[in-house]
C-alpha cells in the first residue's frame, strides 16, 4: 500500500470506527453498503482529507461515484493531491 492509500484508509477507520472499518480493502463498497456512511460521515471524511492532504474539496466535485469504493475515494484523493 502506498502512503495515500494508507492515510485514506486510516481516515475511514477513524471516522467510521469499529466494526464498520475493520475489514476495509480497496474493493470494499462504501456508499450504500456501509451504514455508518451518512451525510455527516461524508463531511467528516472530506474534512479529514482536506486537513491531512492540504487540499480543498468543493461540493460540486463530489458525487456518489467518489464514495463507491475505497479505491474510488483513494483515486479522488490522488487527483486532488496531484492538482
N, C-alpha and C. Protein backbone atom coordinates (compact mmCIF):
# COMPACT_ATOMS: atom_id res chain seq x y z
N UNK A 1 0.84 -1.18 0.00
CA UNK A 1 0.00 0.00 0.00
C UNK A 1 0.89 1.25 0.00
N UNK A 2 0.49 2.25 -0.79
CA UNK A 2 1.28 3.47 -0.78
C UNK A 2 0.77 4.42 0.30
N UNK A 3 1.44 5.54 0.44
CA UNK A 3 1.14 6.49 1.52
C UNK A 3 -0.28 7.03 1.46
N UNK A 4 -0.75 7.41 0.27
CA UNK A 4 -2.11 7.95 0.16
C UNK A 4 -3.13 6.89 0.53
N UNK A 5 -2.95 5.66 0.03
CA UNK A 5 -3.88 4.58 0.38
C UNK A 5 -3.92 4.37 1.88
N UNK A 6 -2.77 4.32 2.50
CA UNK A 6 -2.67 4.10 3.95
C UNK A 6 -3.38 5.21 4.72
N UNK A 7 -3.16 6.45 4.30
CA UNK A 7 -3.76 7.58 5.01
C UNK A 7 -5.26 7.67 4.81
N UNK A 8 -5.74 7.38 3.60
CA UNK A 8 -7.18 7.41 3.36
C UNK A 8 -7.88 6.31 4.17
N UNK A 9 -7.31 5.13 4.19
CA UNK A 9 -7.90 4.04 4.99
C UNK A 9 -7.88 4.40 6.47
N UNK A 10 -6.82 5.05 6.93
CA UNK A 10 -6.76 5.48 8.33
C UNK A 10 -7.86 6.50 8.62
N UNK A 11 -8.12 7.41 7.67
CA UNK A 11 -9.21 8.38 7.84
C UNK A 11 -10.54 7.66 7.92
N UNK A 12 -10.77 6.71 7.03
CA UNK A 12 -12.03 5.95 7.06
C UNK A 12 -12.19 5.22 8.39
N UNK A 13 -11.15 4.60 8.86
CA UNK A 13 -11.22 3.88 10.14
C UNK A 13 -11.50 4.84 11.29
N UNK A 14 -10.90 6.01 11.24
CA UNK A 14 -11.11 6.99 12.30
C UNK A 14 -12.55 7.49 12.31
N UNK A 15 -13.08 7.80 11.14
CA UNK A 15 -14.45 8.34 11.05
C UNK A 15 -15.50 7.26 11.29
N UNK A 16 -15.32 6.10 10.68
CA UNK A 16 -16.34 5.05 10.76
C UNK A 16 -16.27 4.23 12.02
N UNK A 17 -15.07 4.09 12.58
CA UNK A 17 -14.90 3.30 13.78
C UNK A 17 -15.05 1.81 13.53
N UNK A 18 -14.94 1.08 14.60
CA UNK A 18 -15.10 -0.38 14.55
C UNK A 18 -16.57 -0.70 14.79
N UNK A 19 -17.12 -1.74 14.25
CA UNK A 19 -16.51 -2.71 13.35
C UNK A 19 -16.63 -2.33 11.88
N UNK A 20 -17.26 -1.19 11.58
CA UNK A 20 -17.55 -0.83 10.18
C UNK A 20 -16.29 -0.80 9.31
N UNK A 21 -15.19 -0.36 9.85
CA UNK A 21 -13.98 -0.18 9.04
C UNK A 21 -12.94 -1.27 9.26
N UNK A 22 -13.29 -2.26 10.01
CA UNK A 22 -12.32 -3.29 10.39
C UNK A 22 -11.70 -3.99 9.18
N UNK A 23 -12.49 -4.38 8.22
CA UNK A 23 -12.00 -5.20 7.11
C UNK A 23 -12.00 -4.47 5.77
N UNK A 24 -11.74 -3.18 5.79
CA UNK A 24 -11.74 -2.43 4.54
C UNK A 24 -10.60 -2.86 3.63
N UNK A 25 -10.94 -3.04 2.36
CA UNK A 25 -9.95 -3.30 1.32
C UNK A 25 -10.20 -2.30 0.21
N UNK A 26 -9.33 -2.27 -0.79
CA UNK A 26 -9.52 -1.33 -1.89
C UNK A 26 -10.85 -1.54 -2.61
N UNK A 27 -11.31 -2.77 -2.68
CA UNK A 27 -12.55 -3.05 -3.40
C UNK A 27 -13.80 -2.97 -2.52
N UNK A 28 -13.63 -2.63 -1.26
CA UNK A 28 -14.80 -2.54 -0.36
C UNK A 28 -15.75 -1.44 -0.82
N UNK A 29 -17.03 -1.78 -1.00
CA UNK A 29 -18.01 -0.75 -1.33
C UNK A 29 -18.27 0.14 -0.11
N UNK A 30 -18.54 1.40 -0.35
CA UNK A 30 -18.78 2.33 0.75
C UNK A 30 -20.21 2.83 0.76
N UNK A 31 -20.50 3.86 -0.03
CA UNK A 31 -21.81 4.50 -0.01
C UNK A 31 -22.90 3.49 -0.38
N UNK A 32 -23.87 3.35 0.51
CA UNK A 32 -24.96 2.41 0.28
C UNK A 32 -24.67 1.02 0.83
N UNK A 33 -23.42 0.76 1.21
CA UNK A 33 -23.06 -0.55 1.73
C UNK A 33 -22.61 -0.51 3.19
N UNK A 34 -22.08 0.62 3.61
CA UNK A 34 -21.65 0.79 4.99
C UNK A 34 -22.63 1.74 5.65
N UNK A 35 -23.40 1.21 6.58
CA UNK A 35 -24.47 2.00 7.20
C UNK A 35 -23.95 3.27 7.87
N UNK A 36 -22.73 3.24 8.34
CA UNK A 36 -22.15 4.39 9.04
C UNK A 36 -21.83 5.55 8.11
N UNK A 37 -21.83 5.31 6.79
CA UNK A 37 -21.54 6.41 5.86
C UNK A 37 -22.84 7.11 5.50
N UNK A 38 -23.11 8.15 6.29
CA UNK A 38 -24.24 9.03 6.02
C UNK A 38 -23.68 10.39 5.64
N UNK A 39 -24.53 11.37 5.50
CA UNK A 39 -24.06 12.68 5.05
C UNK A 39 -23.05 13.29 6.03
N UNK A 40 -23.24 13.06 7.31
CA UNK A 40 -22.30 13.59 8.31
C UNK A 40 -20.94 12.91 8.20
N UNK A 41 -20.94 11.61 7.95
CA UNK A 41 -19.69 10.88 7.79
C UNK A 41 -18.96 11.34 6.53
N UNK A 42 -19.69 11.58 5.45
CA UNK A 42 -19.07 12.07 4.21
C UNK A 42 -18.39 13.41 4.48
N UNK A 43 -19.06 14.30 5.19
CA UNK A 43 -18.47 15.60 5.52
C UNK A 43 -17.23 15.41 6.39
N UNK A 44 -17.30 14.53 7.37
CA UNK A 44 -16.15 14.28 8.25
C UNK A 44 -14.97 13.69 7.47
N UNK A 45 -15.25 12.79 6.56
CA UNK A 45 -14.19 12.19 5.74
C UNK A 45 -13.55 13.25 4.85
N UNK A 46 -14.37 14.04 4.18
CA UNK A 46 -13.83 15.07 3.29
C UNK A 46 -13.04 16.13 4.07
N UNK A 47 -13.52 16.50 5.25
CA UNK A 47 -12.80 17.46 6.08
C UNK A 47 -11.44 16.89 6.49
N UNK A 48 -11.42 15.62 6.87
CA UNK A 48 -10.16 14.98 7.25
C UNK A 48 -9.21 14.89 6.06
N UNK A 49 -9.74 14.61 4.88
CA UNK A 49 -8.91 14.56 3.66
C UNK A 49 -8.31 15.94 3.40
N UNK A 50 -9.12 16.99 3.52
CA UNK A 50 -8.62 18.34 3.30
C UNK A 50 -7.48 18.67 4.27
N UNK A 51 -7.68 18.33 5.54
CA UNK A 51 -6.67 18.62 6.56
C UNK A 51 -5.42 17.78 6.36
N UNK A 52 -5.59 16.50 6.12
CA UNK A 52 -4.46 15.58 6.01
C UNK A 52 -3.59 15.86 4.78
N UNK A 53 -4.24 16.19 3.66
CA UNK A 53 -3.51 16.33 2.40
C UNK A 53 -3.34 17.78 1.95
N UNK A 54 -3.88 18.73 2.71
CA UNK A 54 -3.72 20.13 2.36
C UNK A 54 -4.39 20.50 1.05
N UNK A 55 -5.55 19.92 0.79
CA UNK A 55 -6.30 20.20 -0.42
C UNK A 55 -7.64 20.83 -0.06
N UNK A 56 -8.32 21.34 -1.06
CA UNK A 56 -9.66 21.89 -0.87
C UNK A 56 -10.62 21.12 -1.77
N UNK A 57 -11.74 20.71 -1.21
CA UNK A 57 -12.74 19.94 -1.95
C UNK A 57 -14.01 20.77 -2.03
N UNK A 58 -14.41 21.10 -3.26
CA UNK A 58 -15.66 21.82 -3.47
C UNK A 58 -16.81 20.82 -3.53
N UNK A 59 -17.98 21.27 -3.11
CA UNK A 59 -19.16 20.40 -3.09
C UNK A 59 -19.46 19.79 -4.44
N UNK A 60 -19.26 20.55 -5.51
CA UNK A 60 -19.61 20.05 -6.84
C UNK A 60 -18.59 19.05 -7.39
N UNK A 61 -17.51 18.81 -6.67
CA UNK A 61 -16.51 17.83 -7.10
C UNK A 61 -16.84 16.42 -6.62
N UNK A 62 -17.76 16.31 -5.69
CA UNK A 62 -18.05 15.04 -5.05
C UNK A 62 -19.44 14.56 -5.45
N UNK A 63 -19.51 13.28 -5.82
CA UNK A 63 -20.81 12.65 -6.07
C UNK A 63 -20.74 11.21 -5.57
N UNK A 64 -21.76 10.46 -5.82
CA UNK A 64 -21.82 9.08 -5.33
C UNK A 64 -20.66 8.22 -5.80
N UNK A 65 -20.17 8.49 -7.00
CA UNK A 65 -19.07 7.67 -7.52
C UNK A 65 -17.78 7.86 -6.73
N UNK A 66 -17.63 9.02 -6.10
CA UNK A 66 -16.44 9.28 -5.27
C UNK A 66 -16.37 8.29 -4.13
N UNK A 67 -17.52 7.96 -3.56
CA UNK A 67 -17.60 7.06 -2.41
C UNK A 67 -18.12 5.67 -2.79
N UNK A 68 -17.98 5.29 -4.05
CA UNK A 68 -18.44 3.97 -4.47
C UNK A 68 -17.65 2.86 -3.79
N UNK A 69 -16.33 2.99 -3.78
CA UNK A 69 -15.46 2.00 -3.13
C UNK A 69 -14.32 2.75 -2.45
N UNK A 70 -13.56 2.02 -1.66
CA UNK A 70 -12.36 2.60 -1.06
C UNK A 70 -11.42 3.07 -2.16
N UNK A 71 -11.26 2.27 -3.21
CA UNK A 71 -10.37 2.62 -4.32
C UNK A 71 -10.82 3.90 -5.02
N UNK A 72 -12.12 4.09 -5.22
CA UNK A 72 -12.58 5.31 -5.89
C UNK A 72 -12.33 6.54 -5.03
N UNK A 73 -12.45 6.41 -3.72
CA UNK A 73 -12.13 7.52 -2.83
C UNK A 73 -10.63 7.82 -2.88
N UNK A 74 -9.81 6.80 -2.88
CA UNK A 74 -8.36 6.98 -2.98
C UNK A 74 -8.00 7.64 -4.30
N UNK A 75 -8.62 7.23 -5.39
CA UNK A 75 -8.36 7.84 -6.70
C UNK A 75 -8.73 9.32 -6.68
N UNK A 76 -9.84 9.65 -6.04
CA UNK A 76 -10.26 11.04 -5.91
C UNK A 76 -9.20 11.84 -5.15
N UNK A 77 -8.74 11.29 -4.04
CA UNK A 77 -7.72 11.99 -3.24
C UNK A 77 -6.45 12.16 -4.04
N UNK A 78 -6.04 11.12 -4.74
CA UNK A 78 -4.85 11.22 -5.59
C UNK A 78 -4.99 12.36 -6.61
N UNK A 79 -6.16 12.49 -7.22
CA UNK A 79 -6.37 13.54 -8.22
C UNK A 79 -6.31 14.92 -7.58
N UNK A 80 -6.78 15.04 -6.36
CA UNK A 80 -6.72 16.32 -5.66
C UNK A 80 -5.29 16.67 -5.28
N UNK A 81 -4.54 15.69 -4.82
CA UNK A 81 -3.15 15.92 -4.42
C UNK A 81 -2.30 16.29 -5.63
N UNK A 82 -2.58 15.68 -6.76
CA UNK A 82 -1.80 15.91 -7.98
C UNK A 82 -2.12 17.25 -8.64
N UNK A 83 -3.29 17.81 -8.33
CA UNK A 83 -3.72 19.05 -8.99
C UNK A 83 -2.94 20.26 -8.53
